[in-house]
Amino acid sequence: MSIQSKKNILPGTFLLAALVALYFPFLQTLVANWAVNDDYSHGYFIPFLTIYFIYHMRDELKQLKIKPNIFGLLIIAAGLGQLLIAKIGSEFFLQRTSFVIVLYGLVLFFLGWDYFKKLFLPLSYLFFMIPLPAIVWNKIAFPMQLFASGLTENMVYSLGIPIFRQGNVLQLAETTLEVVAACSGLRSLMTMFALSGALAIISTIPRWKKWLLFFAAAPIAVIANITRLTGTAVLASRYGSDVAQGFLHDFSGLVVFGLGLGLLVGVNALLTKTWK
């Protein structure tokens, strides 16, 4: 360990401890939110994945030289300023995201630009654990409900099953199904982006293919969700609306998650193979 590294350990440890103490109340409410918000139940895994990403690149980090950068203080000040303003305005999203911004500043100030560039993506991955503001979520969810119900109507009709749609309500011969916010596909979209982001960070493919892999989450999430809704509608047309609730509903969610994950892994394998 270099002399410069040893000099940075004590103040760096102190500031990190102070940061945790400062943000503890905000992080505590964030964790509590994961327990009641099914849309962000994956939040528990995000910090551990971030730690793994950094550990995964440990050999590369050892090759970098520590060159503290004073501009890190500006980023830290910006993050703390955001926290103060968000606290006054009771805006949870800005309170929580300021934590990541302060982490950026700490890395740049204590370790330098090379470390900042290397750790930028792993630290940015923490944004996936922070729920979007409700006003933003609802603005996106309803159009996706209409989009998902429209695609499901076309899929079911193409299978020869009579169906009529009114907004996000699907009317079958024997029953009526409503594509609620939880079935809009937005939850699947967030989860798939979190998974594709993780795969992209640890993958060895070129950068432009990493971006292809990341954005592949969008069509994969749509395919997985429409598959689930179509399957539910087909079963409901034969066996009644009970299949859209209870165990079968929850189990279909697991199946669709497995389908989406399998497609992501397949895309990653295809991009890796074509690169080699």
C-alpha atoms as a PDB file:
ATOM      1  CA  MET A   1       0.000   0.000   0.000  1.00  0.00           C
ATOM      2  CA  SER A   2       1.395   3.408  -0.967  1.00  0.00           C
ATOM      3  CA  ILE A   3       2.014   6.262   1.460  1.00  0.00           C
ATOM      4  CA  GLN A   4      -0.690   8.285  -0.306  1.00  0.00           C
ATOM      5  CA  SER A   5      -3.181   5.445   0.206  1.00  0.00           C
ATOM      6  CA  LYS A   6      -2.397   5.291   3.923  1.00  0.00           C
ATOM      7  CA  LYS A   7      -2.859   9.039   4.254  1.00  0.00           C
ATOM      8  CA  ASN A   8      -6.332   8.787   2.714  1.00  0.00           C
ATOM      9  CA  ILE A   9      -7.575   5.899   4.861  1.00  0.00           C
ATOM     10  CA  LEU A  10      -8.286   7.806   8.082  1.00  0.00           C
ATOM     11  CA  PRO A  11     -10.046  10.895   6.663  1.00  0.00           C
ATOM     12  CA  GLY A  12     -11.824   8.742   4.095  1.00  0.00           C
ATOM     13  CA  THR A  13     -13.100   6.373   6.771  1.00  0.00           C
ATOM     14  CA  PHE A  14     -14.209   9.298   8.945  1.00  0.00           C
ATOM     15  CA  LEU A  15     -16.114  10.967   6.112  1.00  0.00           C
ATOM     16  CA  LEU A  16     -17.737   7.688   5.063  1.00  0.00           C
ATOM     17  CA  ALA A  17     -18.907   7.114   8.656  1.00  0.00           C
ATOM     18  CA  ALA A  18     -20.228  10.689   8.797  1.00  0.00           C
ATOM     19  CA  LEU A  19     -22.010  10.150   5.483  1.00  0.00           C
ATOM     20  CA  VAL A  20     -23.711   6.983   6.744  1.00  0.00           C
ATOM     21  CA  ALA A  21     -24.761   8.768   9.960  1.00  0.00           C
ATOM     22  CA  LEU A  22     -26.139  11.737   7.991  1.00  0.00           C
ATOM     23  CA  TYR A  23     -28.112   9.629   5.543  1.00  0.00           C
ATOM     24  CA  PHE A  24     -29.186   6.888   7.943  1.00  0.00           C
ATOM     25  CA  PRO A  25     -32.743   8.248   8.462  1.00  0.00           C
ATOM     26  CA  PHE A  26     -33.251   8.607   4.699  1.00  0.00           C
ATOM     27  CA  LEU A  27     -31.839   5.164   3.934  1.00  0.00           C
ATOM     28  CA  GLN A  28     -33.951   3.673   6.722  1.00  0.00           C
ATOM     29  CA  THR A  29     -37.168   4.970   5.140  1.00  0.00           C
ATOM     30  CA  LEU A  30     -35.908   3.738   1.759  1.00  0.00           C
ATOM     31  CA  VAL A  31     -35.497   0.176   3.044  1.00  0.00           C
ATOM     32  CA  ALA A  32     -38.935   0.377   4.683  1.00  0.00           C
ATOM     33  CA  ASN A  33     -40.345   1.456   1.325  1.00  0.00           C
ATOM     34  CA  TRP A  34     -38.970  -1.660  -0.374  1.00  0.00           C
ATOM     35  CA  ALA A  35     -40.985  -3.798   2.054  1.00  0.00           C
ATOM     36  CA  VAL A  36     -44.321  -2.237   1.038  1.00  0.00           C
ATOM     37  CA  ASN A  37     -43.648  -1.273  -2.584  1.00  0.00           C
ATOM     38  CA  ASP A  38     -43.704  -4.379  -4.781  1.00  0.00           C
ATOM     39  CA  ASP A  39     -42.466  -2.329  -7.715  1.00  0.00           C
ATOM     40  CA  TYR A  40     -39.117  -1.894  -5.965  1.00  0.00           C
ATOM     41  CA  SER A  41     -38.800  -5.133  -4.007  1.00  0.00           C
ATOM     42  CA  HIS A  42     -35.579  -5.708  -5.970  1.00  0.00           C
ATOM     43  CA  GLY A  43     -34.055  -2.777  -4.068  1.00  0.00           C
ATOM     44  CA  TYR A  44     -32.676  -5.114  -1.394  1.00  0.00           C
ATOM     45  CA  PHE A  45     -30.251  -6.630  -3.909  1.00  0.00           C
ATOM     46  CA  ILE A  46     -28.929  -3.433  -5.502  1.00  0.00           C
ATOM     47  CA  PRO A  47     -26.381  -2.403  -2.794  1.00  0.00           C
ATOM     48  CA  PHE A  48     -24.954  -5.937  -2.658  1.00  0.00           C
ATOM     49  CA  LEU A  49     -24.661  -6.045  -6.441  1.00  0.00           C
ATOM     50  CA  THR A  50     -22.856  -2.698  -6.406  1.00  0.00           C
ATOM     51  CA  ILE A  51     -20.374  -4.047  -3.855  1.00  0.00           C
ATOM     52  CA  TYR A  52     -19.891  -7.130  -6.035  1.00  0.00           C
ATOM     53  CA  PHE A  53     -19.249  -5.005  -9.144  1.00  0.00           C
ATOM     54  CA  ILE A  54     -16.521  -3.077  -7.320  1.00  0.00           C
ATOM     55  CA  TYR A  55     -15.031  -6.297  -5.978  1.00  0.00           C
ATOM     56  CA  HIS A  56     -15.171  -7.796  -9.490  1.00  0.00           C
ATOM     57  CA  MET A  57     -12.949  -4.998 -10.840  1.00  0.00           C
ATOM     58  CA  ARG A  58     -10.547  -5.008  -7.877  1.00  0.00           C
ATOM     59  CA  ASP A  59      -7.533  -6.015 -10.002  1.00  0.00           C
ATOM     60  CA  GLU A  60      -8.154  -3.127 -12.402  1.00  0.00           C
ATOM     61  CA  LEU A  61      -8.546  -0.688  -9.516  1.00  0.00           C
ATOM     62  CA  LYS A  62      -5.209  -1.761  -8.049  1.00  0.00           C
ATOM     63  CA  GLN A  63      -3.482  -0.623 -11.248  1.00  0.00           C
ATOM     64  CA  LEU A  64      -4.786   2.932 -10.921  1.00  0.00           C
ATOM     65  CA  LYS A  65      -2.900   5.725  -9.213  1.00  0.00           C
ATOM     66  CA  ILE A  66      -4.536   7.767  -6.481  1.00  0.00           C
ATOM     67  CA  LYS A  67      -4.653  11.437  -7.496  1.00  0.00           C
ATOM     68  CA  PRO A  68      -7.114  13.373  -5.275  1.00  0.00           C
ATOM     69  CA  ASN A  69      -9.120  15.972  -7.176  1.00  0.00           C
ATOM     70  CA  ILE A  70     -10.350  19.157  -5.493  1.00  0.00           C
ATOM     71  CA  PHE A  71     -13.395  19.282  -7.795  1.00  0.00           C
ATOM     72  CA  GLY A  72     -14.806  16.409  -5.796  1.00  0.00           C
ATOM     73  CA  LEU A  73     -15.642  18.936  -3.085  1.00  0.00           C
ATOM     74  CA  LEU A  74     -17.928  20.757  -5.525  1.00  0.00           C
ATOM     75  CA  ILE A  75     -19.838  17.542  -6.217  1.00  0.00           C
ATOM     76  CA  ILE A  76     -20.092  16.816  -2.494  1.00  0.00           C
ATOM     77  CA  ALA A  77     -21.390  20.342  -1.880  1.00  0.00           C
ATOM     78  CA  ALA A  78     -23.913  19.953  -4.713  1.00  0.00           C
ATOM     79  CA  GLY A  79     -25.154  16.659  -3.280  1.00  0.00           C
ATOM     80  CA  LEU A  80     -25.498  18.066   0.235  1.00  0.00           C
ATOM     81  CA  GLY A  81     -27.233  21.148  -1.151  1.00  0.00           C
ATOM     82  CA  GLN A  82     -29.691  18.893  -2.963  1.00  0.00           C
ATOM     83  CA  LEU A  83     -30.308  17.020   0.284  1.00  0.00           C
ATOM     84  CA  LEU A  84     -31.036  20.259   2.147  1.00  0.00           C
ATOM     85  CA  ILE A  85     -33.449  21.551  -0.506  1.00  0.00           C
ATOM     86  CA  ALA A  86     -35.171  18.155  -0.791  1.00  0.00           C
ATOM     87  CA  LYS A  87     -35.500  17.938   3.000  1.00  0.00           C
ATOM     88  CA  ILE A  88     -37.160  21.350   3.142  1.00  0.00           C
ATOM     89  CA  GLY A  89     -39.494  20.366   0.297  1.00  0.00           C
ATOM     90  CA  SER A  90     -40.102  16.832   1.653  1.00  0.00           C
ATOM     91  CA  GLU A  91     -39.070  15.344  -1.700  1.00  0.00           C
ATOM     92  CA  PHE A  92     -37.942  11.776  -0.999  1.00  0.00           C
ATOM     93  CA  PHE A  93     -36.532  11.036  -4.448  1.00  0.00           C
ATOM     94  CA  LEU A  94     -34.091  13.956  -4.355  1.00  0.00           C
ATOM     95  CA  GLN A  95     -33.151  13.191  -0.742  1.00  0.00           C
ATOM     96  CA  ARG A  96     -32.177   9.642  -1.647  1.00  0.00           C
ATOM     97  CA  THR A  97     -30.453  10.368  -4.955  1.00  0.00           C
ATOM     98  CA  SER A  98     -28.286  12.998  -3.260  1.00  0.00           C
ATOM     99  CA  PHE A  99     -26.600  10.101  -1.443  1.00  0.00           C
ATOM    100  CA  VAL A 100     -25.247   8.753  -4.742  1.00  0.00           C
ATOM    101  CA  ILE A 101     -24.093  12.213  -5.814  1.00  0.00           C
ATOM    102  CA  VAL A 102     -22.143  12.654  -2.570  1.00  0.00           C
ATOM    103  CA  LEU A 103     -20.542   9.233  -3.170  1.00  0.00           C
ATOM    104  CA  TYR A 104     -19.410  10.483  -6.593  1.00  0.00           C
ATOM    105  CA  GLY A 105     -17.800  13.480  -4.920  1.00  0.00           C
ATOM    106  CA  LEU A 106     -16.039  11.409  -2.271  1.00  0.00           C
ATOM    107  CA  VAL A 107     -14.505   9.112  -4.883  1.00  0.00           C
ATOM    108  CA  LEU A 108     -13.285  12.032  -7.001  1.00  0.00           C
ATOM    109  CA  PHE A 109     -11.954  14.005  -4.026  1.00  0.00           C
ATOM    110  CA  PHE A 110     -10.069  11.172  -2.334  1.00  0.00           C
ATOM    111  CA  LEU A 111      -9.126   8.873  -5.226  1.00  0.00           C
ATOM    112  CA  GLY A 112      -9.098  10.996  -8.356  1.00  0.00           C
ATOM    113  CA  TRP A 113     -10.422  11.073 -11.887  1.00  0.00           C
ATOM    114  CA  ASP A 114      -9.281   7.588 -12.936  1.00  0.00           C
ATOM    115  CA  TYR A 115     -11.111   5.962 -10.035  1.00  0.00           C
ATOM    116  CA  PHE A 116     -14.154   8.162 -10.664  1.00  0.00           C
ATOM    117  CA  LYS A 117     -14.423   6.991 -14.270  1.00  0.00           C
ATOM    118  CA  LYS A 118     -13.992   3.355 -13.259  1.00  0.00           C
ATOM    119  CA  LEU A 119     -16.488   3.456 -10.396  1.00  0.00           C
ATOM    120  CA  PHE A 120     -19.060   5.710 -12.051  1.00  0.00           C
ATOM    121  CA  LEU A 121     -21.231   2.884 -13.435  1.00  0.00           C
ATOM    122  CA  PRO A 122     -21.175   0.667 -10.309  1.00  0.00           C
ATOM    123  CA  LEU A 123     -22.141   3.659  -8.157  1.00  0.00           C
ATOM    124  CA  SER A 124     -24.773   4.778 -10.670  1.00  0.00           C
ATOM    125  CA  TYR A 125     -26.331   1.329 -10.370  1.00  0.00           C
ATOM    126  CA  LEU A 126     -27.538   2.434  -6.920  1.00  0.00           C
ATOM    127  CA  PHE A 127     -30.159   4.595  -8.638  1.00  0.00           C
ATOM    128  CA  PHE A 128     -32.114   1.404  -9.396  1.00  0.00           C
ATOM    129  CA  MET A 129     -32.901   1.019  -5.683  1.00  0.00           C
ATOM    130  CA  ILE A 130     -34.581   4.448  -5.443  1.00  0.00           C
ATOM    131  CA  PRO A 131     -38.308   4.575  -6.291  1.00  0.00           C
ATOM    132  CA  LEU A 132     -39.386   7.166  -8.822  1.00  0.00           C
ATOM    133  CA  PRO A 133     -41.651   9.958  -7.543  1.00  0.00           C
ATOM    134  CA  ALA A 134     -45.292   8.842  -7.500  1.00  0.00           C
ATOM    135  CA  ILE A 135     -46.301  11.620  -9.892  1.00  0.00           C
ATOM    136  CA  VAL A 136     -43.747  10.399 -12.451  1.00  0.00           C
ATOM    137  CA  TRP A 137     -44.611   6.724 -11.926  1.00  0.00           C
ATOM    138  CA  ASN A 138     -48.343   7.338 -12.427  1.00  0.00           C
ATOM    139  CA  LYS A 139     -47.730   9.430 -15.537  1.00  0.00           C
ATOM    140  CA  ILE A 140     -45.883   6.495 -17.088  1.00  0.00           C
ATOM    141  CA  ALA A 141     -48.008   3.650 -15.700  1.00  0.00           C
ATOM    142  CA  PHE A 142     -51.383   4.572 -17.215  1.00  0.00           C
ATOM    143  CA  PRO A 143     -50.156   4.955 -20.826  1.00  0.00           C
ATOM    144  CA  MET A 144     -48.393   1.610 -20.395  1.00  0.00           C
ATOM    145  CA  GLN A 145     -51.652   0.096 -19.127  1.00  0.00           C
ATOM    146  CA  LEU A 146     -53.358   1.203 -22.336  1.00  0.00           C
ATOM    147  CA  PHE A 147     -50.426  -0.006 -24.430  1.00  0.00           C
ATOM    148  CA  ALA A 148     -50.349  -3.422 -22.737  1.00  0.00           C
ATOM    149  CA  SER A 149     -54.115  -3.896 -22.932  1.00  0.00           C
ATOM    150  CA  GLY A 150     -54.111  -2.940 -26.627  1.00  0.00           C
ATOM    151  CA  LEU A 151     -51.375  -5.448 -27.495  1.00  0.00           C
ATOM    152  CA  THR A 152     -53.088  -8.129 -25.410  1.00  0.00           C
ATOM    153  CA  GLU A 153     -56.362  -7.524 -27.239  1.00  0.00           C
ATOM    154  CA  ASN A 154     -54.634  -8.037 -30.589  1.00  0.00           C
ATOM    155  CA  MET A 155     -52.855 -11.177 -29.410  1.00  0.00           C
ATOM    156  CA  VAL A 156     -55.985 -12.756 -27.953  1.00  0.00           C
ATOM    157  CA  TYR A 157     -58.067 -11.847 -31.008  1.00  0.00           C
ATOM    158  CA  SER A 158     -55.439 -13.388 -33.308  1.00  0.00           C
ATOM    159  CA  LEU A 159     -55.919 -16.649 -31.380  1.00  0.00           C
ATOM    160  CA  GLY A 160     -59.584 -16.681 -32.393  1.00  0.00           C
ATOM    161  CA  ILE A 161     -60.966 -15.691 -28.996  1.00  0.00           C
ATOM    162  CA  PRO A 162     -63.670 -12.962 -28.998  1.00  0.00           C
ATOM    163  CA  ILE A 163     -62.502  -9.941 -27.025  1.00  0.00           C
ATOM    164  CA  PHE A 164     -63.450  -6.291 -26.700  1.00  0.00           C
ATOM    165  CA  ARG A 165     -61.396  -3.546 -25.081  1.00  0.00           C
ATOM    166  CA  GLN A 166     -62.492  -0.360 -23.360  1.00  0.00           C
ATOM    167  CA  GLY A 167     -59.466   1.576 -22.218  1.00  0.00           C
ATOM    168  CA  ASN A 168     -57.557  -0.799 -19.960  1.00  0.00           C
ATOM    169  CA  VAL A 169     -60.529  -3.177 -19.469  1.00  0.00           C
ATOM    170  CA  LEU A 170     -60.674  -6.387 -21.513  1.00  0.00           C
ATOM    171  CA  GLN A 171     -64.102  -7.930 -21.977  1.00  0.00           C
ATOM    172  CA  LEU A 172     -64.227 -11.626 -22.820  1.00  0.00           C
ATOM    173  CA  ALA A 173     -67.286 -13.759 -23.455  1.00  0.00           C
ATOM    174  CA  GLU A 174     -67.497 -15.073 -19.887  1.00  0.00           C
ATOM    175  CA  THR A 175     -65.567 -12.551 -17.836  1.00  0.00           C
ATOM    176  CA  THR A 176     -63.943  -9.114 -17.653  1.00  0.00           C
ATOM    177  CA  LEU A 177     -60.282  -8.415 -16.906  1.00  0.00           C
ATOM    178  CA  GLU A 178     -58.738  -5.094 -15.932  1.00  0.00           C
ATOM    179  CA  VAL A 179     -55.115  -4.328 -16.710  1.00  0.00           C
ATOM    180  CA  VAL A 180     -54.270  -2.489 -13.489  1.00  0.00           C
ATOM    181  CA  ALA A 181     -51.120  -0.453 -12.808  1.00  0.00           C
ATOM    182  CA  ALA A 182     -49.323  -3.496 -11.390  1.00  0.00           C
ATOM    183  CA  CYS A 183     -49.867  -5.306 -14.707  1.00  0.00           C
ATOM    184  CA  SER A 184     -48.903  -2.369 -16.920  1.00  0.00           C
ATOM    185  CA  GLY A 185     -45.428  -3.800 -17.434  1.00  0.00           C
ATOM    186  CA  LEU A 186     -43.680  -0.906 -15.709  1.00  0.00           C
ATOM    187  CA  ARG A 187     -42.667  -3.129 -12.806  1.00  0.00           C
ATOM    188  CA  SER A 188     -41.213  -5.675 -15.232  1.00  0.00           C
ATOM    189  CA  LEU A 189     -39.497  -2.859 -17.110  1.00  0.00           C
ATOM    190  CA  MET A 190     -37.722  -1.568 -13.996  1.00  0.00           C
ATOM    191  CA  THR A 191     -36.672  -5.074 -12.970  1.00  0.00           C
ATOM    192  CA  MET A 192     -35.402  -5.940 -16.450  1.00  0.00           C
ATOM    193  CA  PHE A 193     -33.407  -2.710 -16.652  1.00  0.00           C
ATOM    194  CA  ALA A 194     -31.835  -3.509 -13.278  1.00  0.00           C
ATOM    195  CA  LEU A 195     -30.911  -6.995 -14.514  1.00  0.00           C
ATOM    196  CA  SER A 196     -29.643  -5.848 -17.908  1.00  0.00           C
ATOM    197  CA  GLY A 197     -27.603  -3.120 -16.198  1.00  0.00           C
ATOM    198  CA  ALA A 198     -25.969  -5.725 -13.974  1.00  0.00           C
ATOM    199  CA  LEU A 199     -25.162  -7.951 -16.937  1.00  0.00           C
ATOM    200  CA  ALA A 200     -23.784  -5.007 -18.907  1.00  0.00           C
ATOM    201  CA  ILE A 201     -21.456  -3.944 -16.076  1.00  0.00           C
ATOM    202  CA  ILE A 202     -19.870  -7.373 -15.612  1.00  0.00           C
ATOM    203  CA  SER A 203     -19.881  -8.347 -19.284  1.00  0.00           C
ATOM    204  CA  THR A 204     -16.632  -8.227 -21.267  1.00  0.00           C
ATOM    205  CA  ILE A 205     -18.241  -7.129 -24.538  1.00  0.00           C
ATOM    206  CA  PRO A 206     -17.413  -3.719 -26.104  1.00  0.00           C
ATOM    207  CA  ARG A 207     -19.088  -0.628 -24.671  1.00  0.00           C
ATOM    208  CA  TRP A 208     -21.548  -0.138 -27.552  1.00  0.00           C
ATOM    209  CA  LYS A 209     -22.737  -3.722 -27.124  1.00  0.00           C
ATOM    210  CA  LYS A 210     -23.166  -3.104 -23.409  1.00  0.00           C
ATOM    211  CA  TRP A 211     -25.607  -0.348 -24.297  1.00  0.00           C
ATOM    212  CA  LEU A 212     -27.434  -2.697 -26.692  1.00  0.00           C
ATOM    213  CA  LEU A 213     -27.719  -5.234 -23.903  1.00  0.00           C
ATOM    214  CA  PHE A 214     -28.973  -2.605 -21.463  1.00  0.00           C
ATOM    215  CA  PHE A 215     -31.688  -1.240 -23.757  1.00  0.00           C
ATOM    216  CA  ALA A 216     -32.726  -4.761 -24.780  1.00  0.00           C
ATOM    217  CA  ALA A 217     -34.509  -4.782 -21.404  1.00  0.00           C
ATOM    218  CA  ALA A 218     -37.331  -2.650 -22.848  1.00  0.00           C
ATOM    219  CA  PRO A 219     -38.586  -5.002 -25.593  1.00  0.00           C
ATOM    220  CA  ILE A 220     -37.912  -8.034 -23.393  1.00  0.00           C
ATOM    221  CA  ALA A 221     -40.043  -6.560 -20.579  1.00  0.00           C
ATOM    222  CA  VAL A 222     -42.852  -5.863 -23.064  1.00  0.00           C
ATOM    223  CA  ILE A 223     -42.677  -9.390 -24.526  1.00  0.00           C
ATOM    224  CA  ALA A 224     -42.685 -10.981 -21.076  1.00  0.00           C
ATOM    225  CA  ASN A 225     -45.591  -8.876 -19.826  1.00  0.00           C
ATOM    226  CA  ILE A 226     -47.737  -9.364 -22.936  1.00  0.00           C
ATOM    227  CA  THR A 227     -47.067 -13.107 -22.727  1.00  0.00           C
ATOM    228  CA  ARG A 228     -48.380 -13.085 -19.168  1.00  0.00           C
ATOM    229  CA  LEU A 229     -51.459 -10.989 -19.959  1.00  0.00           C
ATOM    230  CA  THR A 230     -52.305 -13.026 -23.051  1.00  0.00           C
ATOM    231  CA  GLY A 231     -51.945 -16.289 -21.167  1.00  0.00           C
ATOM    232  CA  THR A 232     -54.131 -14.967 -18.362  1.00  0.00           C
ATOM    233  CA  ALA A 233     -56.809 -13.798 -20.815  1.00  0.00           C
ATOM    234  CA  VAL A 234     -56.829 -17.140 -22.648  1.00  0.00           C
ATOM    235  CA  LEU A 235     -57.193 -19.085 -19.390  1.00  0.00           C
ATOM    236  CA  ALA A 236     -59.827 -16.668 -18.103  1.00  0.00           C
ATOM    237  CA  SER A 237     -61.880 -17.134 -21.284  1.00  0.00           C
ATOM    238  CA  ARG A 238     -62.029 -20.879 -20.592  1.00  0.00           C
ATOM    239  CA  TYR A 239     -61.948 -21.212 -16.825  1.00  0.00           C
ATOM    240  CA  GLY A 240     -63.243 -17.886 -15.533  1.00  0.00           C
ATOM    241  CA  SER A 241     -61.710 -14.852 -13.877  1.00  0.00           C
ATOM    242  CA  ASP A 242     -60.433 -16.850 -10.873  1.00  0.00           C
ATOM    243  CA  VAL A 243     -57.285 -17.754 -12.815  1.00  0.00           C
ATOM    244  CA  ALA A 244     -56.355 -14.063 -12.849  1.00  0.00           C
ATOM    245  CA  GLN A 245     -56.100 -14.036  -9.065  1.00  0.00           C
ATOM    246  CA  GLY A 246     -54.408 -15.892  -6.242  1.00  0.00           C
ATOM    247  CA  PHE A 247     -51.732 -18.526  -6.718  1.00  0.00           C
ATOM    248  CA  LEU A 248     -51.902 -18.755 -10.505  1.00  0.00           C
ATOM    249  CA  HIS A 249     -51.512 -14.996 -10.828  1.00  0.00           C
ATOM    250  CA  ASP A 250     -48.450 -14.932  -8.566  1.00  0.00           C
ATOM    251  CA  PHE A 251     -46.948 -18.024 -10.181  1.00  0.00           C
ATOM    252  CA  SER A 252     -47.339 -16.539 -13.658  1.00  0.00           C
ATOM    253  CA  GLY A 253     -45.342 -13.542 -12.441  1.00  0.00           C
ATOM    254  CA  LEU A 254     -42.458 -15.832 -11.485  1.00  0.00           C
ATOM    255  CA  VAL A 255     -42.655 -17.623 -14.824  1.00  0.00           C
ATOM    256  CA  VAL A 256     -42.570 -14.346 -16.730  1.00  0.00           C
ATOM    257  CA  PHE A 257     -39.626 -13.130 -14.629  1.00  0.00           C
ATOM    258  CA  GLY A 258     -37.777 -16.323 -15.531  1.00  0.00           C
ATOM    259  CA  LEU A 259     -38.667 -15.786 -19.196  1.00  0.00           C
ATOM    260  CA  GLY A 260     -37.330 -12.226 -19.141  1.00  0.00           C
ATOM    261  CA  LEU A 261     -34.136 -13.254 -17.373  1.00  0.00           C
ATOM    262  CA  GLY A 262     -33.614 -16.086 -19.844  1.00  0.00           C
ATOM    263  CA  LEU A 263     -34.034 -13.716 -22.793  1.00  0.00           C
ATOM    264  CA  LEU A 264     -31.544 -11.255 -21.286  1.00  0.00           C
ATOM    265  CA  VAL A 265     -28.980 -13.991 -20.750  1.00  0.00           C
ATOM    266  CA  GLY A 266     -29.595 -15.154 -24.322  1.00  0.00           C
ATOM    267  CA  VAL A 267     -29.020 -11.654 -25.715  1.00  0.00           C
ATOM    268  CA  ASN A 268     -25.833 -11.360 -23.658  1.00  0.00           C
ATOM    269  CA  ALA A 269     -24.616 -14.727 -24.939  1.00  0.00           C
ATOM    270  CA  LEU A 270     -25.417 -13.731 -28.531  1.00  0.00           C
ATOM    271  CA  LEU A 271     -23.569 -10.396 -28.234  1.00  0.00           C
ATOM    272  CA  THR A 272     -20.598 -12.131 -26.593  1.00  0.00           C
ATOM    273  CA  LYS A 273     -20.472 -14.802 -29.296  1.00  0.00           C
ATOM    274  CA  THR A 274     -20.655 -12.329 -32.181  1.00  0.00           C
ATOM    275  CA  TRP A 275     -17.920 -10.208 -30.589  1.00  0.00           C
ATOM    276  CA  LYS A 276     -15.568 -13.163 -30.219  1.00  0.00           C
END
